[in-house]
Amino acid sequence: MNVRSQQPETKQVDQISFVKPHIFDVTQYVKLLWMKDVPNETVRLDLFFDAGITRGRESIPAIVHSLLLSGTDEWSSVEIHKQIDALGGFLDTDISFETAVVSIYCLREHLRKISEIVANAIRGLAFRENEVEDVLRSMRQQFAVNQQKVKYVAQQQFRKYLFASNEDYSTISVEADYDRIRVSEYKKYWKEHYLNGLTRITLVGDLEQDEVDALIDLFGKWAIDGEAQYAGDFKFQPQRVDFPKEDALQCAVRMGRFLFPKNHPDYIDFQVLNTILGDYFGSRLMSNIREDKGYTYGIGSGMMDMNHTGYFVIVTEVGKEVLENTLHEIRFELKRLQNELVPEEELELVKNYMLGQLLKNADGPYAMLDMYNSVDMYNLTLVFYDEAIQKIKSITPERIQLLAKQYLNVEDFLIITAG
């Protein structure tokens, strides 16, 4: 019998019942992860390439990524997309520091046909002059627009200064990158990083084994011929650098430092500290700087994962007249975590929030494959999540204070402002 006057009993999660994907070795260095148990007809196929923005200079990685479906000798860009649309497919692409991804979403009955269209488009990329000109014009216009956005300037300059010790990681785009066509360089990059740069395939869909084998045959020819190499030993100068913009009403802030990769023993515990500070709506930064002071619509902190390292960053945009006040309040919150123990009630709220997010992120086959993939890329297993649950449940205010003293010294931060 339900008694409406009594609050239902709540229980913390102890573990997540994962369904492990089927794993196939495409080559010695490339694997395919397949989540088969899908209760509908939908399919998602992701192709990962060693083609992130750090793999080339003069914006060539981003330019080639934008040209991937720009046309072959036989089909124009419009014709390629019309073929995919006619089959009810949707294509998505993404490029990050160290990886580029091409994703196909469709019904399973059309997966093979759409995969063949995409494979032919990438393999037969013709670098048509008119298509290249269109892409460069569009990217030049977008660059000009972005240069007027203080958040974009702060983001780019934060990257430049944080990764200053490695030119591949610290070089940022300039307008001249889009001023001339360099087809020979684009082709060289395309061959090295796409036709010979596939690092991983992930697949979600209720398919037959022969359909999976066909995908391996189709895309396996692009497999990288060794382990992708990533940088990890970066050095930076803690400092503040301002980029004034007289006509800007807002000022963007990026401040942070290097941390560690996902397999570091402090990773989960620092996630708890980060959540308290700025990674949910009730965080201390939001409560102070948005709710109490009214300096911003939003402020947050986050941990950015890379293959051999990671970094911590605080992000916000505020009115120029309250910039110094905002920086003062951020320092205040960092010092408070170092000098005062987090109250048990607040810590319990954050623990429950994080455990709930873990459960939410494991809801369904698509989410489960993403969670598996995000640890497998660091040579970790699903045990990572069970250990995370136990670490979240057992962490103490004393442990959080210790981490804050170790990692949240503002003297160790790079601070970038733009506006």
Protein backbone atom coordinates (compact mmCIF):
# COMPACT_ATOMS: atom_id res chain seq x y z
CA MET A 1 0.00 0.00 0.00
CA ASN A 2 1.36 3.43 -0.97
CA VAL A 3 1.31 6.06 1.78
CA ARG A 4 1.48 9.43 0.03
CA SER A 5 2.47 11.24 3.22
CA GLN A 6 5.69 9.23 3.46
CA GLN A 7 8.71 9.80 1.23
CA PRO A 8 9.70 6.65 -0.69
CA GLU A 9 12.88 4.95 0.47
CA THR A 10 15.95 5.85 -1.52
CA LYS A 11 18.91 3.60 -2.17
CA GLN A 12 22.33 4.36 -3.57
CA VAL A 13 23.51 2.37 -6.56
CA ASP A 14 26.13 -0.32 -5.79
CA GLN A 15 27.04 -1.33 -9.33
CA ILE A 16 25.92 -1.00 -12.92
CA SER A 17 24.81 -4.10 -14.81
CA PHE A 18 26.72 -3.59 -18.03
CA VAL A 19 26.30 -5.48 -21.27
CA LYS A 20 29.77 -5.84 -22.73
CA PRO A 21 30.07 -5.32 -26.50
CA HIS A 22 31.36 -7.97 -28.90
CA ILE A 23 34.95 -7.13 -29.80
CA PHE A 24 36.62 -7.95 -33.12
CA ASP A 25 40.22 -7.39 -34.13
CA VAL A 26 40.11 -5.62 -37.48
CA THR A 27 43.92 -5.63 -37.42
CA GLN A 28 46.57 -5.87 -34.73
CA TYR A 29 46.05 -2.16 -33.94
CA VAL A 30 42.36 -1.58 -34.78
CA LYS A 31 39.31 -3.13 -33.14
CA LEU A 32 35.59 -3.03 -33.77
CA LEU A 33 33.23 -2.81 -30.78
CA TRP A 34 29.69 -4.04 -31.49
CA MET A 35 26.69 -3.68 -29.21
CA LYS A 36 24.11 -6.05 -30.66
CA ASP A 37 21.23 -5.98 -28.15
CA VAL A 38 19.16 -3.10 -29.52
CA PRO A 39 15.35 -3.27 -29.14
CA ASN A 40 14.61 -1.42 -32.39
CA GLU A 41 15.72 -1.04 -36.01
CA THR A 42 18.18 1.82 -35.49
CA VAL A 43 21.92 1.62 -36.08
CA ARG A 44 24.90 3.86 -35.35
CA LEU A 45 28.32 3.33 -36.90
CA ASP A 46 31.33 5.43 -35.79
CA LEU A 47 34.65 5.55 -37.62
CA PHE A 48 37.55 6.98 -35.58
CA PHE A 49 40.60 8.39 -37.37
CA ASP A 50 44.02 9.57 -36.25
CA ALA A 51 43.17 12.95 -37.76
CA GLY A 52 42.64 15.44 -34.92
CA ILE A 53 43.49 19.11 -35.22
CA THR A 54 46.93 18.54 -33.70
CA ARG A 55 47.98 16.30 -36.60
CA GLY A 56 48.80 19.13 -39.02
CA ARG A 57 49.51 22.83 -39.36
CA GLU A 58 47.75 25.70 -41.14
CA SER A 59 44.29 24.28 -40.29
CA ILE A 60 44.82 21.42 -42.76
CA PRO A 61 43.23 18.80 -40.44
CA ALA A 62 40.03 20.86 -40.14
CA ILE A 63 39.97 21.71 -43.85
CA VAL A 64 40.36 18.09 -44.98
CA HIS A 65 37.79 16.98 -42.42
CA SER A 66 35.32 19.46 -43.92
CA LEU A 67 36.10 18.18 -47.43
CA LEU A 68 35.54 14.47 -46.71
CA LEU A 69 32.14 14.33 -48.43
CA SER A 70 32.75 17.15 -50.90
CA GLY A 71 32.56 14.99 -53.99
CA THR A 72 34.21 12.34 -56.14
CA ASP A 73 34.87 12.26 -59.89
CA GLU A 74 31.42 10.69 -60.23
CA TRP A 75 29.31 12.45 -57.56
CA SER A 76 29.10 16.00 -56.29
CA SER A 77 28.69 16.81 -52.61
CA VAL A 78 24.97 17.48 -53.14
CA GLU A 79 24.49 14.13 -54.90
CA ILE A 80 26.26 12.23 -52.12
CA HIS A 81 24.05 13.75 -49.45
CA LYS A 82 20.91 13.24 -51.54
CA GLN A 83 21.69 9.53 -51.78
CA ILE A 84 22.11 9.27 -48.02
CA ASP A 85 18.95 11.31 -47.38
CA ALA A 86 16.94 9.10 -49.76
CA LEU A 87 17.82 6.11 -47.58
CA GLY A 88 16.80 7.90 -44.40
CA GLY A 89 20.37 8.18 -43.18
CA PHE A 90 22.02 10.94 -41.21
CA LEU A 91 25.73 11.72 -41.20
CA ASP A 92 27.60 13.50 -38.44
CA THR A 93 31.29 14.41 -38.24
CA ASP A 94 33.41 15.72 -35.40
CA ILE A 95 37.02 16.69 -34.92
CA SER A 96 38.84 17.14 -31.62
CA PHE A 97 42.44 17.56 -30.47
CA GLU A 98 43.54 14.03 -31.24
CA THR A 99 40.72 12.31 -33.12
CA ALA A 100 38.30 12.80 -36.00
CA VAL A 101 35.04 10.85 -36.15
CA VAL A 102 32.57 10.09 -38.94
CA SER A 103 29.21 8.76 -37.68
CA ILE A 104 26.37 7.14 -39.61
CA TYR A 105 22.84 6.93 -38.19
CA CYS A 106 20.24 4.92 -40.08
CA LEU A 107 17.88 1.94 -40.06
CA ARG A 108 19.67 -1.40 -40.15
CA GLU A 109 18.24 -2.35 -43.55
CA HIS A 110 20.08 0.58 -45.12
CA LEU A 111 23.36 0.39 -43.22
CA ARG A 112 25.34 -1.51 -45.83
CA LYS A 113 24.23 0.73 -48.70
CA ILE A 114 24.88 3.98 -46.80
CA SER A 115 28.25 2.65 -45.59
CA GLU A 116 29.23 1.95 -49.18
CA ILE A 117 28.21 5.47 -50.23
CA VAL A 118 30.29 7.00 -47.41
CA ALA A 119 33.25 4.71 -48.11
CA ASN A 120 33.20 5.57 -51.81
CA ALA A 121 32.90 9.28 -51.02
CA ILE A 122 35.93 9.29 -48.71
CA ARG A 123 38.01 6.87 -50.78
CA GLY A 124 37.22 8.69 -54.02
CA LEU A 125 37.59 12.23 -52.67
CA ALA A 126 38.40 14.31 -55.75
CA PHE A 127 39.22 17.70 -54.16
CA ARG A 128 37.13 19.45 -56.79
CA GLU A 129 38.29 23.03 -57.16
CA ASN A 130 34.83 24.57 -56.71
CA GLU A 131 34.13 22.45 -53.63
CA VAL A 132 37.50 23.32 -52.07
CA GLU A 133 36.89 27.02 -52.74
CA ASP A 134 33.43 26.79 -51.15
CA VAL A 135 34.79 25.09 -48.04
CA LEU A 136 37.65 27.58 -47.64
CA ARG A 137 35.27 30.51 -48.14
CA SER A 138 32.88 29.13 -45.54
CA MET A 139 35.66 28.44 -43.05
CA ARG A 140 37.17 31.90 -43.60
CA GLN A 141 33.79 33.53 -42.94
CA GLN A 142 33.26 31.41 -39.83
CA PHE A 143 36.75 32.31 -38.61
CA ALA A 144 35.98 36.02 -39.03
CA VAL A 145 32.72 35.62 -37.10
CA ASN A 146 34.46 33.65 -34.34
CA GLN A 147 37.12 36.33 -33.94
CA GLN A 148 34.36 38.67 -32.79
CA LYS A 149 33.31 36.23 -30.06
CA VAL A 150 35.25 36.69 -26.85
CA LYS A 151 34.60 33.10 -25.76
CA TYR A 152 36.24 31.79 -28.96
CA VAL A 153 39.28 34.06 -28.54
CA ALA A 154 39.68 32.97 -24.91
CA GLN A 155 39.34 29.31 -25.84
CA GLN A 156 41.95 29.52 -28.59
CA GLN A 157 44.43 31.53 -26.55
CA PHE A 158 44.02 29.20 -23.57
CA ARG A 159 44.98 26.32 -25.84
CA LYS A 160 47.92 28.26 -27.29
CA TYR A 161 49.40 29.12 -23.89
CA LEU A 162 48.55 25.87 -22.11
CA PHE A 163 50.20 23.71 -24.78
CA ALA A 164 53.00 26.17 -25.51
CA SER A 165 55.68 23.49 -25.11
CA ASN A 166 54.37 21.50 -28.11
CA GLU A 167 53.88 23.29 -31.43
CA ASP A 168 51.50 20.66 -32.82
CA TYR A 169 49.10 21.18 -29.92
CA SER A 170 49.52 24.92 -29.43
CA THR A 171 49.24 26.23 -33.00
CA ILE A 172 45.89 27.94 -33.54
CA SER A 173 44.10 28.92 -36.74
CA VAL A 174 44.80 32.22 -38.51
CA GLU A 175 42.92 33.78 -41.41
CA ALA A 176 45.79 33.12 -43.85
CA ASP A 177 45.15 29.36 -43.48
CA TYR A 178 42.09 29.79 -45.72
CA ASP A 179 43.54 32.23 -48.25
CA ARG A 180 45.13 29.80 -50.68
CA ILE A 181 44.35 26.32 -51.95
CA ARG A 182 46.97 23.64 -51.17
CA VAL A 183 45.51 20.57 -52.85
CA SER A 184 48.75 18.56 -52.80
CA GLU A 185 49.03 19.04 -49.03
CA TYR A 186 45.35 18.20 -48.52
CA LYS A 187 45.75 15.00 -50.52
CA LYS A 188 48.83 13.96 -48.59
CA TYR A 189 47.03 14.49 -45.28
CA TRP A 190 43.91 12.63 -46.50
CA LYS A 191 45.94 9.61 -47.57
CA GLU A 192 47.99 9.46 -44.36
CA HIS A 193 45.26 10.19 -41.81
CA TYR A 194 42.08 8.82 -43.38
CA LEU A 195 42.92 6.16 -45.96
CA ASN A 196 45.65 4.90 -43.60
CA GLY A 197 44.45 6.37 -40.33
CA LEU A 198 41.44 4.37 -39.05
CA THR A 199 42.01 3.65 -35.35
CA ARG A 200 38.68 2.20 -34.17
CA ILE A 201 35.14 1.28 -35.24
CA THR A 202 32.12 1.23 -32.94
CA LEU A 203 28.75 -0.19 -33.93
CA VAL A 204 25.34 -0.31 -32.26
CA GLY A 205 22.60 -2.31 -33.96
CA ASP A 206 20.73 -5.61 -34.10
CA LEU A 207 22.65 -6.95 -37.08
CA GLU A 208 23.73 -10.31 -38.40
CA GLN A 209 27.35 -11.41 -38.21
CA ASP A 210 27.79 -11.29 -41.98
CA GLU A 211 26.79 -7.61 -41.97
CA VAL A 212 29.46 -6.85 -39.38
CA ASP A 213 32.01 -8.81 -41.40
CA ALA A 214 31.07 -6.75 -44.47
CA LEU A 215 31.77 -3.53 -42.57
CA ILE A 216 35.16 -4.84 -41.47
CA ASP A 217 35.98 -5.72 -45.09
CA LEU A 218 34.78 -2.31 -46.30
CA PHE A 219 36.57 -0.07 -43.81
CA GLY A 220 39.36 -2.34 -42.57
CA LYS A 221 41.50 -1.36 -45.56
CA TRP A 222 41.93 2.07 -43.94
CA ALA A 223 43.39 0.69 -40.70
CA ILE A 224 46.40 2.47 -39.26
CA ASP A 225 49.58 0.38 -39.55
CA GLY A 226 50.82 1.01 -36.01
CA GLU A 227 49.73 2.44 -32.69
CA ALA A 228 48.75 6.11 -32.88
CA GLN A 229 51.28 8.20 -30.98
CA TYR A 230 50.14 11.06 -28.75
CA ALA A 231 52.02 13.64 -26.73
CA GLY A 232 51.68 13.72 -22.96
CA ASP A 233 54.56 15.62 -21.38
CA PHE A 234 53.47 19.26 -21.62
CA LYS A 235 54.87 22.22 -19.73
CA PHE A 236 53.27 25.66 -19.38
CA GLN A 237 53.87 28.92 -17.57
CA PRO A 238 51.29 29.80 -14.90
CA GLN A 239 50.38 33.41 -15.69
CA ARG A 240 47.58 35.78 -16.54
CA VAL A 241 47.25 37.04 -20.11
CA ASP A 242 44.56 39.54 -21.15
CA PHE A 243 43.24 40.07 -24.68
CA PRO A 244 41.32 43.37 -24.60
CA LYS A 245 38.50 44.03 -27.06
CA GLU A 246 37.22 47.57 -26.75
CA ASP A 247 33.79 47.06 -28.34
CA ALA A 248 32.99 43.92 -26.32
CA LEU A 249 30.37 44.10 -23.57
CA GLN A 250 31.36 40.75 -22.10
CA CYS A 251 34.69 39.33 -21.00
CA ALA A 252 35.39 35.60 -21.38
CA VAL A 253 37.51 33.79 -18.81
CA ARG A 254 39.42 30.52 -19.12
CA MET A 255 41.58 29.45 -16.21
CA GLY A 256 43.09 26.09 -15.36
CA ARG A 257 46.03 23.73 -15.41
CA PHE A 258 47.17 20.29 -16.51
CA LEU A 259 45.95 17.32 -14.50
CA PHE A 260 46.18 13.67 -15.50
CA PRO A 261 44.62 11.08 -17.84
CA LYS A 262 41.63 8.89 -17.00
CA ASN A 263 43.74 6.03 -15.63
CA HIS A 264 45.29 8.18 -12.86
CA PRO A 265 44.44 7.09 -9.29
CA ASP A 266 43.17 10.58 -8.38
CA TYR A 267 40.83 10.84 -11.38
CA ILE A 268 37.51 9.84 -9.76
CA ASP A 269 38.16 11.62 -6.48
CA PHE A 270 38.99 14.83 -8.35
CA GLN A 271 35.73 14.42 -10.29
CA VAL A 272 33.90 14.71 -6.98
CA LEU A 273 35.88 17.85 -6.10
CA ASN A 274 35.23 19.29 -9.55
CA THR A 275 31.48 18.63 -9.26
CA ILE A 276 31.32 20.44 -5.92
CA LEU A 277 33.22 23.39 -7.37
CA GLY A 278 31.55 23.86 -10.75
CA ASP A 279 30.13 20.84 -12.55
CA TYR A 280 26.43 20.91 -11.70
CA PHE A 281 23.79 23.60 -11.42
CA GLY A 282 24.01 23.78 -7.64
CA SER A 283 27.79 24.02 -7.62
CA ARG A 284 29.68 26.56 -5.53
CA LEU A 285 30.72 28.66 -8.51
CA MET A 286 27.14 28.82 -9.78
CA SER A 287 25.71 29.55 -6.33
CA ASN A 288 28.19 32.33 -5.67
CA ILE A 289 28.87 34.00 -9.00
CA ARG A 290 25.50 33.51 -10.72
CA GLU A 291 22.89 33.15 -8.00
CA ASP A 292 24.35 35.40 -5.29
CA LYS A 293 26.39 38.00 -7.21
CA GLY A 294 24.55 37.97 -10.55
CA TYR A 295 27.79 38.40 -12.50
CA THR A 296 27.01 35.77 -15.17
CA TYR A 297 24.33 33.54 -16.68
CA GLY A 298 26.60 30.54 -16.32
CA ILE A 299 29.94 29.42 -14.96
CA GLY A 300 31.36 25.93 -14.75
CA SER A 301 34.46 23.83 -14.35
CA GLY A 302 35.43 20.64 -16.11
CA MET A 303 38.02 17.93 -16.64
CA MET A 304 39.11 17.52 -20.24
CA ASP A 305 40.38 14.04 -21.16
CA MET A 306 43.20 13.39 -23.62
CA ASN A 307 45.06 10.20 -24.47
CA HIS A 308 48.10 10.74 -22.25
CA THR A 309 47.07 13.69 -20.10
CA GLY A 310 44.13 15.86 -19.15
CA TYR A 311 43.48 19.36 -17.93
CA PHE A 312 41.16 21.26 -15.62
CA VAL A 313 39.45 24.46 -16.73
CA ILE A 314 37.01 27.02 -15.32
CA VAL A 315 34.88 28.75 -17.97
CA THR A 316 32.61 31.78 -17.84
CA GLU A 317 31.60 35.04 -19.51
CA VAL A 318 30.89 38.11 -17.41
CA GLY A 319 30.34 41.84 -17.84
CA LYS A 320 33.65 43.66 -18.28
CA GLU A 321 32.94 45.83 -15.25
CA VAL A 322 32.77 42.79 -12.93
CA LEU A 323 35.72 40.81 -14.34
CA GLU A 324 38.06 41.46 -11.41
CA ASN A 325 35.27 40.79 -8.92
CA THR A 326 34.56 37.47 -10.65
CA LEU A 327 38.21 36.41 -10.51
CA HIS A 328 38.26 37.37 -6.83
CA GLU A 329 35.21 35.17 -6.12
CA ILE A 330 36.69 32.23 -8.05
CA ARG A 331 39.85 32.50 -5.94
CA PHE A 332 37.68 32.70 -2.84
CA GLU A 333 35.91 29.44 -3.72
CA LEU A 334 39.20 27.67 -4.45
CA LYS A 335 40.64 28.81 -1.12
CA ARG A 336 37.47 27.78 0.71
CA LEU A 337 37.84 24.22 -0.57
CA GLN A 338 41.44 24.23 0.66
CA ASN A 339 40.74 25.72 4.07
CA GLU A 340 37.32 24.35 5.05
CA LEU A 341 35.96 20.82 5.05
CA VAL A 342 32.97 20.29 2.76
CA PRO A 343 29.83 19.84 4.91
CA GLU A 344 28.51 16.27 4.96
CA GLU A 345 25.09 17.36 3.69
CA GLU A 346 26.58 19.05 0.62
CA LEU A 347 28.88 16.11 -0.03
CA GLU A 348 25.99 13.65 0.22
CA LEU A 349 24.00 15.69 -2.31
CA VAL A 350 26.91 15.65 -4.76
CA LYS A 351 27.48 11.92 -4.29
CA ASN A 352 23.84 11.17 -5.06
CA TYR A 353 23.94 13.47 -8.08
CA MET A 354 27.06 11.81 -9.48
CA LEU A 355 25.74 8.29 -8.92
CA GLY A 356 22.51 9.28 -10.64
CA GLN A 357 24.46 10.67 -13.59
CA LEU A 358 26.39 7.41 -13.87
CA LEU A 359 23.14 5.46 -14.05
CA LYS A 360 21.70 7.91 -16.56
CA ASN A 361 24.81 7.65 -18.73
CA ALA A 362 24.47 3.85 -18.81
CA ASP A 363 20.84 3.88 -19.97
CA GLY A 364 20.51 1.83 -23.13
CA PRO A 365 22.85 0.14 -25.61
CA TYR A 366 24.06 3.36 -27.25
CA ALA A 367 25.06 4.87 -23.91
CA MET A 368 26.62 1.63 -22.70
CA LEU A 369 28.81 1.35 -25.77
CA ASP A 370 29.95 4.95 -25.33
CA MET A 371 30.86 4.24 -21.70
CA TYR A 372 32.76 1.10 -22.64
CA ASN A 373 34.56 2.89 -25.45
CA SER A 374 35.53 5.81 -23.21
CA VAL A 375 37.45 3.51 -20.86
CA ASP A 376 38.72 1.00 -23.42
CA MET A 377 40.55 3.83 -25.20
CA TYR A 378 42.67 4.17 -22.04
CA ASN A 379 43.24 0.42 -21.70
CA LEU A 380 40.77 0.30 -18.83
CA THR A 381 37.86 -2.10 -18.33
CA LEU A 382 34.28 -1.74 -17.09
CA VAL A 383 35.64 -2.36 -13.58
CA PHE A 384 36.52 1.36 -13.76
CA TYR A 385 32.86 2.24 -13.22
CA ASP A 386 32.29 -0.16 -10.32
CA GLU A 387 35.41 1.25 -8.68
CA ALA A 388 34.15 4.76 -9.42
CA ILE A 389 30.89 4.04 -7.61
CA GLN A 390 32.74 2.83 -4.53
CA LYS A 391 35.15 5.79 -4.59
CA ILE A 392 32.29 8.28 -4.88
CA LYS A 393 30.40 6.65 -2.01
CA SER A 394 33.42 6.47 0.29
CA ILE A 395 35.19 9.78 -0.35
CA THR A 396 35.56 11.99 2.73
CA PRO A 397 35.69 15.77 3.25
CA GLU A 398 39.32 15.35 4.35
CA ARG A 399 40.23 13.67 1.05
CA ILE A 400 38.54 16.46 -0.92
CA GLN A 401 40.43 19.11 1.05
CA LEU A 402 43.72 17.30 0.39
CA LEU A 403 43.03 17.24 -3.36
CA ALA A 404 42.07 20.92 -3.33
CA LYS A 405 45.37 21.80 -1.66
CA GLN A 406 47.28 19.72 -4.18
CA TYR A 407 45.56 20.72 -7.44
CA LEU A 408 43.61 23.97 -6.94
CA ASN A 409 46.33 26.48 -6.17
CA VAL A 410 45.51 29.50 -8.29
CA GLU A 411 49.25 30.29 -8.40
CA ASP A 412 49.59 27.19 -10.60
CA PHE A 413 46.89 28.31 -13.05
CA LEU A 414 46.97 29.80 -16.49
CA ILE A 415 44.40 32.62 -16.62
CA ILE A 416 43.20 33.96 -19.97
CA THR A 417 40.69 36.79 -20.35
CA ALA A 418 39.28 38.14 -23.61
CA GLY A 419 37.03 41.16 -23.93
